[in-house]
Amino acid sequence: MLTAFARAFKTPDLRKKLLFTLGIIVVYRIGTNIPIPGVDYRNVQACIDNAEANQGLFGLVNMFSGGALLQITIFALGIMPYITASIILQLLTVVIPRLEALKKEGQAGTAKITQYTRYLTVALAVLQGTGLVATARSGALFQGCPVASQIVPDQSIFVTVTMVITMTAGTAVVMWLGELITDRGIGNGMSILMFISIAATFPSALWAIKEQGSLADGWIEFGTVMLVGFVMVALVVFVEQAQRRIPVQYAKRMIGRRSYGGTSTYIPLKVNQAGVIPVIFASSLLYIPALIVQFSNSNAGWATWITKNLADTGATPHIILYFLLIVFFAFFYVAITFNPEEVADNMKKYGGFIPGIRAGRPTAEYLSYVLNRITWPGSLYLGLISLVPTMALAGFGANQNFPFGGTSILIIVGVGLETVKQIESQLQQRNYEGFLR
């Protein structure tokens, strides 16, 4: 990886793209530290320094925003509205025929879907921004902090609207920065910003584990976290690169006096075909009951049960339900994103077939069978990786601050691998040596 980056900086075109990407990252990180108007920043910092308040319900969203959510800055919502909008549009593409037709139109249809995603992102930013402001005003953003209700001193309508508009505009700027990286930089812009947001929280989380540790001044807990993190990274890299290659043979066809086809290729089916989407879906669903209890302020039996069994990440019902939801969403997402019948029809149209399998419906059934077989280990792998923050280091009492969570590791490793692949492919294009050289 380091060799690829060193070679890229020696190539003028790639060096400009890398420096442009780094410049956008710097702008993004500056924006995550600029507070919005109407917020008492001293009280915010006092609540962030409160360890109990900093381990609240919004830890996952705060991680995706690079710590900007709990600081209530202009980029507090981060990239989450765009991620949510993209997932919603991807799911609606299967349900709504109009979106499915746009998807099949090629570049023009994709541009239209991208425009819809932008509109939905702004709408979700307004909704999430309003919820964040209401949570901050009520003091529920930092549970256990004595000055949590004083974060927003002026609770007038004008100040509230100004805060929501500021965060919505910040989300639009983040989306624009991501698209700039995609067009003029290296890699997928949204993925790069998500990578930076998660990586920015690692140093403080690791140091907090060391400070809160009790064995040898916290160095044993710190070393254990680092060891578990390296093992997880190695496991994730191994599984993310694993794939089942189904051989495909194309028959020769005579068109005029020319012969076409007769080539061999393969269909790569990844073991983790769904990526990190099932983990995000499962986490979002489990946060809904806890949010209902938090805003209802009820002391009823059902609220107590939810707080004890679902809101507590260390509770056995939470762990079991989280694992089952991840497995379910892994199969669900693979089923809506990979259509074996469509792949089989395309292969039949262009004269392709799997050796030993008849074209058409038998090919679709075979692809569905193989996909189900490899989705099982992929879904179990996602569930086990996601439970590491809860299960590992439980004896040290540091599981609440464990930075190498399943979601963060999956995103960081996946984005890192894809970015390096893009750099290497562009290096190969610029350093191609012909036969006569």
Protein backbone atom coordinates (compact mmCIF):
# COMPACT_ATOMS: atom_id res chain seq x y z
CA MET A 1 0.00 0.00 0.00
CA LEU A 2 2.75 2.46 0.95
CA THR A 3 4.64 1.60 -2.25
CA ALA A 4 1.57 2.41 -4.33
CA PHE A 5 1.19 5.83 -2.66
CA ALA A 6 4.91 6.58 -3.10
CA ARG A 7 4.74 5.75 -6.81
CA ALA A 8 1.55 7.80 -7.16
CA PHE A 9 3.22 10.94 -5.80
CA LYS A 10 5.95 10.54 -8.43
CA THR A 11 3.33 10.71 -11.21
CA PRO A 12 2.25 14.34 -11.90
CA ASP A 13 -1.43 13.63 -12.69
CA LEU A 14 -1.92 11.35 -9.72
CA ARG A 15 -0.02 13.71 -7.46
CA LYS A 16 -2.46 16.51 -8.32
CA LYS A 17 -5.43 14.24 -7.61
CA LEU A 18 -3.99 13.09 -4.29
CA LEU A 19 -3.18 16.65 -3.18
CA PHE A 20 -6.66 17.79 -4.22
CA THR A 21 -8.20 14.96 -2.17
CA LEU A 22 -6.06 15.86 0.84
CA GLY A 23 -7.12 19.51 0.51
CA ILE A 24 -10.82 18.57 0.53
CA ILE A 25 -10.20 16.37 3.59
CA VAL A 26 -8.61 19.33 5.40
CA VAL A 27 -11.63 21.53 4.58
CA TYR A 28 -13.96 18.79 5.81
CA ARG A 29 -12.09 18.39 9.11
CA ILE A 30 -12.12 22.16 9.65
CA GLY A 31 -15.89 22.20 9.18
CA THR A 32 -16.36 19.46 11.78
CA ASN A 33 -14.89 21.81 14.42
CA ILE A 34 -16.88 24.99 13.66
CA PRO A 35 -19.87 25.26 16.07
CA ILE A 36 -23.23 26.40 14.78
CA PRO A 37 -24.83 29.64 16.06
CA GLY A 38 -27.04 29.40 19.12
CA VAL A 39 -24.95 26.81 20.98
CA ASP A 40 -23.04 27.39 24.21
CA TYR A 41 -19.75 25.75 23.26
CA ARG A 42 -18.39 25.74 26.82
CA ASN A 43 -21.29 23.63 28.04
CA VAL A 44 -20.89 21.33 25.05
CA GLN A 45 -17.23 20.75 25.88
CA ALA A 46 -18.10 20.17 29.54
CA CYS A 47 -20.59 17.47 28.54
CA ILE A 48 -18.16 15.87 26.07
CA ASP A 49 -15.56 15.63 28.85
CA ASN A 50 -18.16 13.85 30.97
CA ALA A 51 -17.44 10.15 30.30
CA GLU A 52 -20.95 9.00 31.25
CA ALA A 53 -22.62 11.53 28.96
CA ASN A 54 -20.31 10.71 26.07
CA GLN A 55 -21.42 7.06 26.03
CA GLY A 56 -25.00 7.79 25.11
CA LEU A 57 -27.32 6.60 22.39
CA PHE A 58 -25.77 8.69 19.61
CA GLY A 59 -22.33 7.05 19.62
CA LEU A 60 -22.71 5.38 16.20
CA VAL A 61 -23.90 8.55 14.43
CA ASN A 62 -21.18 10.54 16.19
CA MET A 63 -18.60 8.10 14.82
CA PHE A 64 -19.86 8.59 11.25
CA SER A 65 -19.65 12.38 11.67
CA GLY A 66 -16.07 12.29 12.95
CA GLY A 67 -17.10 13.49 16.41
CA ALA A 68 -18.97 16.52 14.98
CA LEU A 69 -22.43 15.40 16.13
CA LEU A 70 -21.80 15.70 19.87
CA GLN A 71 -19.92 18.97 19.29
CA ILE A 72 -22.98 20.29 17.35
CA THR A 73 -20.93 21.81 14.53
CA ILE A 74 -21.93 22.84 11.01
CA PHE A 75 -21.06 19.33 9.77
CA ALA A 76 -22.80 17.65 12.72
CA LEU A 77 -24.96 15.43 10.51
CA GLY A 78 -21.94 14.43 8.44
CA ILE A 79 -22.46 11.96 5.62
CA MET A 80 -25.29 10.00 7.30
CA PRO A 81 -28.22 11.73 5.46
CA TYR A 82 -26.58 10.91 2.11
CA ILE A 83 -25.94 7.29 3.13
CA THR A 84 -29.55 6.91 4.26
CA ALA A 85 -30.87 8.51 1.07
CA SER A 86 -28.69 6.26 -1.10
CA ILE A 87 -29.90 3.13 0.69
CA ILE A 88 -33.54 4.21 0.42
CA LEU A 89 -33.22 4.92 -3.32
CA GLN A 90 -31.47 1.59 -3.85
CA LEU A 91 -34.29 -0.26 -2.10
CA LEU A 92 -36.99 1.72 -3.92
CA THR A 93 -35.38 0.86 -7.27
CA VAL A 94 -36.61 -2.71 -6.79
CA VAL A 95 -40.12 -1.61 -5.75
CA ILE A 96 -40.89 1.35 -8.05
CA PRO A 97 -40.92 0.48 -11.80
CA ARG A 98 -40.02 4.07 -12.78
CA LEU A 99 -36.75 3.95 -10.81
CA GLU A 100 -35.98 0.49 -12.17
CA ALA A 101 -36.44 1.78 -15.72
CA LEU A 102 -34.13 4.72 -14.98
CA LYS A 103 -31.49 2.34 -13.68
CA LYS A 104 -31.56 0.43 -16.98
CA GLU A 105 -31.19 3.60 -19.09
CA GLY A 106 -27.46 3.81 -18.40
CA GLN A 107 -25.64 7.03 -17.62
CA ALA A 108 -28.64 9.33 -18.13
CA GLY A 109 -30.81 7.27 -15.79
CA THR A 110 -28.06 7.08 -13.18
CA ALA A 111 -27.70 10.86 -13.26
CA LYS A 112 -31.44 11.22 -12.65
CA ILE A 113 -31.32 8.82 -9.68
CA THR A 114 -28.34 10.77 -8.31
CA GLN A 115 -30.41 13.96 -8.50
CA TYR A 116 -33.24 12.28 -6.59
CA THR A 117 -30.69 11.16 -3.99
CA ARG A 118 -29.56 14.76 -3.50
CA TYR A 119 -33.11 16.00 -2.97
CA LEU A 120 -33.81 13.21 -0.49
CA THR A 121 -30.52 13.95 1.30
CA VAL A 122 -31.56 17.57 1.90
CA ALA A 123 -35.00 16.47 3.13
CA LEU A 124 -33.46 13.96 5.53
CA ALA A 125 -30.96 16.58 6.70
CA VAL A 126 -33.83 18.92 7.63
CA LEU A 127 -35.56 16.09 9.49
CA GLN A 128 -32.43 14.89 11.31
CA GLY A 129 -31.29 18.43 12.04
CA THR A 130 -34.65 19.24 13.64
CA GLY A 131 -34.40 16.09 15.75
CA LEU A 132 -30.85 16.91 16.83
CA VAL A 133 -31.78 20.47 17.83
CA ALA A 134 -34.82 19.24 19.77
CA THR A 135 -32.67 16.63 21.52
CA ALA A 136 -30.02 19.23 22.41
CA ARG A 137 -32.62 21.68 23.73
CA SER A 138 -34.21 19.04 25.97
CA GLY A 139 -30.84 17.98 27.41
CA ALA A 140 -31.25 14.38 26.19
CA LEU A 141 -28.20 14.60 23.90
CA PHE A 142 -25.86 14.13 26.88
CA GLN A 143 -27.47 11.91 29.48
CA GLY A 144 -25.87 12.33 32.88
CA CYS A 145 -24.35 15.76 32.16
CA PRO A 146 -25.45 18.41 34.70
CA VAL A 147 -25.38 21.28 32.15
CA ALA A 148 -26.95 19.33 29.25
CA SER A 149 -30.13 21.43 29.33
CA GLN A 150 -28.09 24.65 29.03
CA ILE A 151 -26.43 23.77 25.68
CA VAL A 152 -28.96 25.91 23.78
CA PRO A 153 -29.60 28.97 26.01
CA ASP A 154 -31.93 30.76 23.58
CA GLN A 155 -34.75 28.40 22.59
CA SER A 156 -36.68 30.82 20.40
CA ILE A 157 -38.10 29.77 17.04
CA PHE A 158 -35.68 32.00 15.12
CA VAL A 159 -32.60 30.43 16.74
CA THR A 160 -34.00 26.93 16.23
CA VAL A 161 -34.69 27.54 12.52
CA THR A 162 -31.22 29.08 12.10
CA MET A 163 -29.58 26.00 13.66
CA VAL A 164 -31.55 23.60 11.43
CA ILE A 165 -30.76 25.61 8.27
CA THR A 166 -27.07 25.75 9.20
CA MET A 167 -26.81 21.97 9.67
CA THR A 168 -28.77 21.33 6.47
CA ALA A 169 -26.44 23.61 4.53
CA GLY A 170 -23.50 21.83 6.13
CA THR A 171 -24.83 18.49 4.90
CA ALA A 172 -25.20 19.91 1.38
CA VAL A 173 -21.58 21.15 1.52
CA VAL A 174 -20.38 17.71 2.68
CA MET A 175 -22.24 16.10 -0.21
CA TRP A 176 -20.64 18.60 -2.63
CA LEU A 177 -17.15 17.93 -1.21
CA GLY A 178 -17.66 14.21 -1.68
CA GLU A 179 -18.70 14.68 -5.30
CA LEU A 180 -15.63 16.90 -5.90
CA ILE A 181 -13.37 14.09 -4.67
CA THR A 182 -15.14 11.61 -6.95
CA ASP A 183 -14.79 13.88 -10.01
CA ARG A 184 -11.33 15.39 -9.49
CA GLY A 185 -9.67 13.29 -6.79
CA ILE A 186 -8.94 9.65 -6.00
CA GLY A 187 -11.58 7.11 -5.00
CA ASN A 188 -15.25 7.47 -4.14
CA GLY A 189 -15.70 10.82 -2.41
CA MET A 190 -18.46 9.79 0.01
CA SER A 191 -16.53 6.70 1.06
CA ILE A 192 -13.35 8.74 1.58
CA LEU A 193 -15.17 11.23 3.83
CA MET A 194 -16.72 8.38 5.80
CA PHE A 195 -13.26 6.81 6.13
CA ILE A 196 -11.81 10.08 7.47
CA SER A 197 -14.72 10.58 9.89
CA ILE A 198 -14.25 7.15 11.46
CA ALA A 199 -10.45 7.30 11.52
CA ALA A 200 -10.55 10.73 13.23
CA THR A 201 -12.22 9.21 16.32
CA PHE A 202 -9.62 6.45 16.78
CA PRO A 203 -6.85 8.38 18.64
CA SER A 204 -9.16 9.85 21.29
CA ALA A 205 -10.97 6.52 21.79
CA LEU A 206 -7.70 4.61 22.19
CA TRP A 207 -6.31 7.14 24.63
CA ALA A 208 -9.58 7.08 26.63
CA ILE A 209 -9.18 3.30 27.05
CA LYS A 210 -5.64 3.81 28.30
CA GLU A 211 -6.73 6.52 30.74
CA GLN A 212 -9.65 4.48 32.10
CA GLY A 213 -7.64 1.26 32.39
CA SER A 214 -6.56 -0.09 35.75
CA LEU A 215 -3.99 -2.76 34.80
CA ALA A 216 -0.44 -1.36 34.65
CA ASP A 217 -1.78 2.19 34.29
CA GLY A 218 -4.03 1.14 31.40
CA TRP A 219 -1.29 -0.10 29.08
CA ILE A 220 -2.51 -3.73 29.26
CA GLU A 221 -6.01 -2.71 28.15
CA PHE A 222 -4.49 -0.48 25.45
CA GLY A 223 -2.28 -3.31 24.15
CA THR A 224 -5.19 -5.77 24.19
CA VAL A 225 -7.34 -3.38 22.17
CA MET A 226 -4.57 -2.92 19.61
CA LEU A 227 -4.02 -6.69 19.35
CA VAL A 228 -7.72 -7.41 18.87
CA GLY A 229 -7.89 -4.57 16.33
CA PHE A 230 -5.04 -5.98 14.22
CA VAL A 231 -6.59 -9.46 14.29
CA MET A 232 -9.93 -8.02 13.16
CA VAL A 233 -8.31 -6.06 10.34
CA ALA A 234 -6.53 -9.19 9.08
CA LEU A 235 -9.78 -11.19 9.25
CA VAL A 236 -11.78 -8.50 7.47
CA VAL A 237 -9.18 -8.17 4.69
CA PHE A 238 -9.18 -11.94 4.19
CA VAL A 239 -12.97 -12.26 4.01
CA GLU A 240 -13.55 -9.08 1.98
CA GLN A 241 -11.15 -10.35 -0.71
CA ALA A 242 -12.70 -13.85 -0.73
CA GLN A 243 -14.98 -14.65 -3.65
CA ARG A 244 -16.48 -17.60 -5.49
CA ARG A 245 -15.62 -17.44 -9.18
CA ILE A 246 -18.21 -19.16 -11.37
CA PRO A 247 -16.70 -19.98 -14.79
CA VAL A 248 -18.59 -18.74 -17.86
CA GLN A 249 -17.91 -19.87 -21.44
CA TYR A 250 -19.10 -17.86 -24.45
CA ALA A 251 -19.81 -19.82 -27.62
CA LYS A 252 -18.40 -18.72 -30.97
CA ARG A 253 -20.76 -16.80 -33.26
CA MET A 254 -20.31 -15.96 -36.92
CA ILE A 255 -21.45 -12.44 -37.83
CA GLY A 256 -20.76 -11.87 -41.51
CA ARG A 257 -17.23 -13.15 -42.09
CA ARG A 258 -16.04 -12.53 -38.56
CA SER A 259 -16.07 -14.87 -35.58
CA TYR A 260 -17.05 -13.52 -32.19
CA GLY A 261 -17.05 -15.14 -28.75
CA GLY A 262 -15.27 -18.29 -27.77
CA THR A 263 -13.81 -16.60 -24.67
CA SER A 264 -13.78 -17.75 -21.05
CA THR A 265 -14.50 -15.53 -18.06
CA TYR A 266 -16.09 -15.82 -14.63
CA ILE A 267 -18.75 -14.28 -12.38
CA PRO A 268 -17.16 -13.12 -9.09
CA LEU A 269 -19.52 -13.67 -6.16
CA LYS A 270 -18.09 -12.17 -2.98
CA VAL A 271 -18.53 -13.96 0.31
CA ASN A 272 -19.65 -10.67 1.86
CA GLN A 273 -21.86 -9.57 -1.00
CA ALA A 274 -23.89 -7.16 1.17
CA GLY A 275 -20.96 -5.17 2.58
CA VAL A 276 -21.65 -3.11 5.69
CA ILE A 277 -25.32 -2.37 4.87
CA PRO A 278 -26.81 -5.14 7.11
CA VAL A 279 -24.89 -3.81 10.12
CA ILE A 280 -26.21 -0.27 9.53
CA PHE A 281 -29.79 -1.55 9.10
CA ALA A 282 -29.63 -3.66 12.28
CA SER A 283 -28.11 -0.83 14.33
CA SER A 284 -30.74 1.64 13.12
CA LEU A 285 -33.62 -0.69 14.00
CA LEU A 286 -32.27 -1.36 17.49
CA TYR A 287 -31.92 2.39 18.12
CA ILE A 288 -35.61 3.04 17.41
CA PRO A 289 -37.02 1.50 20.66
CA ALA A 290 -34.35 3.27 22.73
CA LEU A 291 -35.21 6.60 21.07
CA ILE A 292 -38.92 6.09 21.79
CA VAL A 293 -38.17 5.51 25.47
CA GLN A 294 -35.81 8.47 25.60
CA PHE A 295 -38.34 10.95 24.22
CA SER A 296 -41.35 9.51 26.05
CA ASN A 297 -39.73 9.95 29.50
CA SER A 298 -41.92 7.11 30.72
CA ASN A 299 -41.27 4.97 33.79
CA ALA A 300 -43.69 2.25 32.75
CA GLY A 301 -42.79 -1.42 32.74
CA TRP A 302 -42.33 -1.60 28.97
CA ALA A 303 -39.93 1.37 29.02
CA THR A 304 -37.88 -0.21 31.80
CA TRP A 305 -37.73 -3.52 29.91
CA ILE A 306 -36.57 -1.83 26.69
CA THR A 307 -33.92 0.18 28.55
CA LYS A 308 -32.63 -2.92 30.31
CA ASN A 309 -32.71 -5.41 27.42
CA LEU A 310 -32.53 -3.48 24.14
CA ALA A 311 -30.81 -0.16 24.89
CA ASP A 312 -28.02 -1.84 26.87
CA THR A 313 -25.51 -3.14 24.31
CA GLY A 314 -24.20 -5.70 26.81
CA ALA A 315 -27.59 -7.29 27.49
CA THR A 316 -28.14 -10.83 26.18
CA PRO A 317 -31.44 -10.02 24.33
CA HIS A 318 -29.73 -7.08 22.59
CA ILE A 319 -26.80 -9.26 21.46
CA ILE A 320 -29.04 -12.08 20.17
CA LEU A 321 -31.45 -9.74 18.36
CA TYR A 322 -28.58 -7.72 16.86
CA PHE A 323 -26.95 -10.88 15.50
CA LEU A 324 -30.22 -12.24 14.04
CA LEU A 325 -31.05 -8.89 12.41
CA ILE A 326 -27.63 -8.74 10.73
CA VAL A 327 -28.06 -12.26 9.31
CA PHE A 328 -31.57 -11.44 8.08
CA PHE A 329 -30.60 -8.15 6.42
CA ALA A 330 -27.57 -9.82 4.78
CA PHE A 331 -29.85 -12.26 2.96
CA PHE A 332 -32.44 -9.54 2.30
CA TYR A 333 -29.96 -7.08 0.77
CA VAL A 334 -28.29 -9.75 -1.38
CA ALA A 335 -31.71 -10.87 -2.64
CA ILE A 336 -32.68 -7.37 -3.83
CA THR A 337 -29.30 -6.38 -5.30
CA PHE A 338 -28.35 -9.57 -7.18
CA ASN A 339 -30.97 -11.02 -9.53
CA PRO A 340 -29.94 -14.52 -10.74
CA GLU A 341 -32.68 -14.58 -13.40
CA GLU A 342 -31.48 -11.30 -14.92
CA VAL A 343 -27.86 -12.51 -14.97
CA ALA A 344 -28.93 -15.81 -16.56
CA ASP A 345 -30.98 -14.01 -19.25
CA ASN A 346 -28.06 -11.72 -20.12
CA MET A 347 -25.72 -14.69 -20.40
CA LYS A 348 -28.18 -16.50 -22.67
CA LYS A 349 -28.65 -13.41 -24.82
CA TYR A 350 -24.91 -13.16 -25.55
CA GLY A 351 -24.31 -16.89 -25.92
CA GLY A 352 -22.76 -17.49 -22.51
CA PHE A 353 -23.21 -20.59 -20.36
CA ILE A 354 -21.79 -22.18 -17.24
CA PRO A 355 -20.02 -25.48 -18.10
CA GLY A 356 -22.26 -28.37 -17.12
CA ILE A 357 -25.32 -26.13 -16.58
CA ARG A 358 -28.00 -25.52 -19.20
CA ALA A 359 -28.71 -21.92 -20.15
CA GLY A 360 -31.83 -20.15 -18.92
CA ARG A 361 -33.72 -21.26 -15.82
CA PRO A 362 -31.22 -23.96 -14.72
CA THR A 363 -28.49 -21.33 -14.73
CA ALA A 364 -30.60 -18.99 -12.57
CA GLU A 365 -31.32 -21.81 -10.12
CA TYR A 366 -27.64 -22.70 -9.93
CA LEU A 367 -26.63 -19.08 -9.30
CA SER A 368 -29.29 -18.75 -6.60
CA TYR A 369 -28.06 -21.98 -4.97
CA VAL A 370 -24.42 -20.82 -4.94
CA LEU A 371 -25.39 -17.35 -3.70
CA ASN A 372 -27.33 -18.78 -0.75
CA ARG A 373 -24.43 -21.08 0.12
CA ILE A 374 -21.85 -18.26 0.29
CA THR A 375 -24.22 -15.77 1.94
CA TRP A 376 -24.45 -17.94 5.06
CA PRO A 377 -20.76 -17.64 6.01
CA GLY A 378 -20.81 -13.98 4.92
CA SER A 379 -23.75 -13.13 7.19
CA LEU A 380 -22.29 -15.06 10.14
CA TYR A 381 -18.99 -13.27 9.62
CA LEU A 382 -20.75 -9.88 9.70
CA GLY A 383 -22.59 -10.81 12.89
CA LEU A 384 -19.45 -12.00 14.68
CA ILE A 385 -17.38 -8.98 13.60
CA SER A 386 -20.11 -6.61 14.78
CA LEU A 387 -20.33 -8.25 18.20
CA VAL A 388 -16.63 -7.86 18.95
CA PRO A 389 -17.07 -4.43 20.64
CA THR A 390 -19.57 -5.99 23.04
CA MET A 391 -17.95 -9.35 23.69
CA ALA A 392 -14.22 -8.58 23.58
CA LEU A 393 -12.56 -6.89 26.55
CA ALA A 394 -15.67 -7.41 28.70
CA GLY A 395 -13.38 -8.48 31.51
CA PHE A 396 -11.56 -5.14 31.34
CA GLY A 397 -14.78 -3.11 31.35
CA ALA A 398 -13.69 -1.23 28.22
CA ASN A 399 -16.23 -2.51 25.76
CA GLN A 400 -18.16 0.78 25.68
CA ASN A 401 -15.19 2.67 24.24
CA PHE A 402 -13.87 -0.08 21.99
CA PRO A 403 -12.90 1.79 18.80
CA PHE A 404 -12.36 -1.22 16.54
CA GLY A 405 -16.05 -1.87 16.09
CA GLY A 406 -17.38 -4.06 13.32
CA THR A 407 -18.92 -1.20 11.36
CA SER A 408 -15.85 1.01 11.57
CA ILE A 409 -13.39 -1.74 10.64
CA LEU A 410 -15.52 -2.93 7.71
CA ILE A 411 -15.75 0.60 6.31
CA ILE A 412 -12.11 1.51 6.84
CA VAL A 413 -10.73 -1.72 5.37
CA GLY A 414 -13.20 -1.71 2.46
CA VAL A 415 -12.55 1.92 1.51
CA GLY A 416 -8.79 1.48 1.94
CA LEU A 417 -8.69 -1.57 -0.35
CA GLU A 418 -10.81 0.09 -3.04
CA THR A 419 -8.76 3.29 -2.97
CA VAL A 420 -5.46 1.43 -3.30
CA LYS A 421 -6.90 -0.63 -6.17
CA GLN A 422 -7.87 2.55 -8.01
CA ILE A 423 -4.41 4.04 -7.48
CA GLU A 424 -2.71 0.87 -8.73
CA SER A 425 -4.97 0.65 -11.78
CA GLN A 426 -4.18 4.25 -12.75
CA LEU A 427 -0.48 3.60 -12.19
CA GLN A 428 -0.65 0.61 -14.53
CA GLN A 429 -2.34 2.74 -17.20
CA ARG A 430 0.42 5.36 -17.02
CA ASN A 431 3.34 2.93 -16.77
CA TYR A 432 2.26 0.43 -19.41
CA GLU A 433 5.15 -1.10 -21.28
CA GLY A 434 4.45 -2.29 -24.80
CA PHE A 435 5.84 -5.37 -26.55
CA LEU A 436 8.46 -3.40 -28.45
CA ARG A 437 9.94 -1.76 -25.36
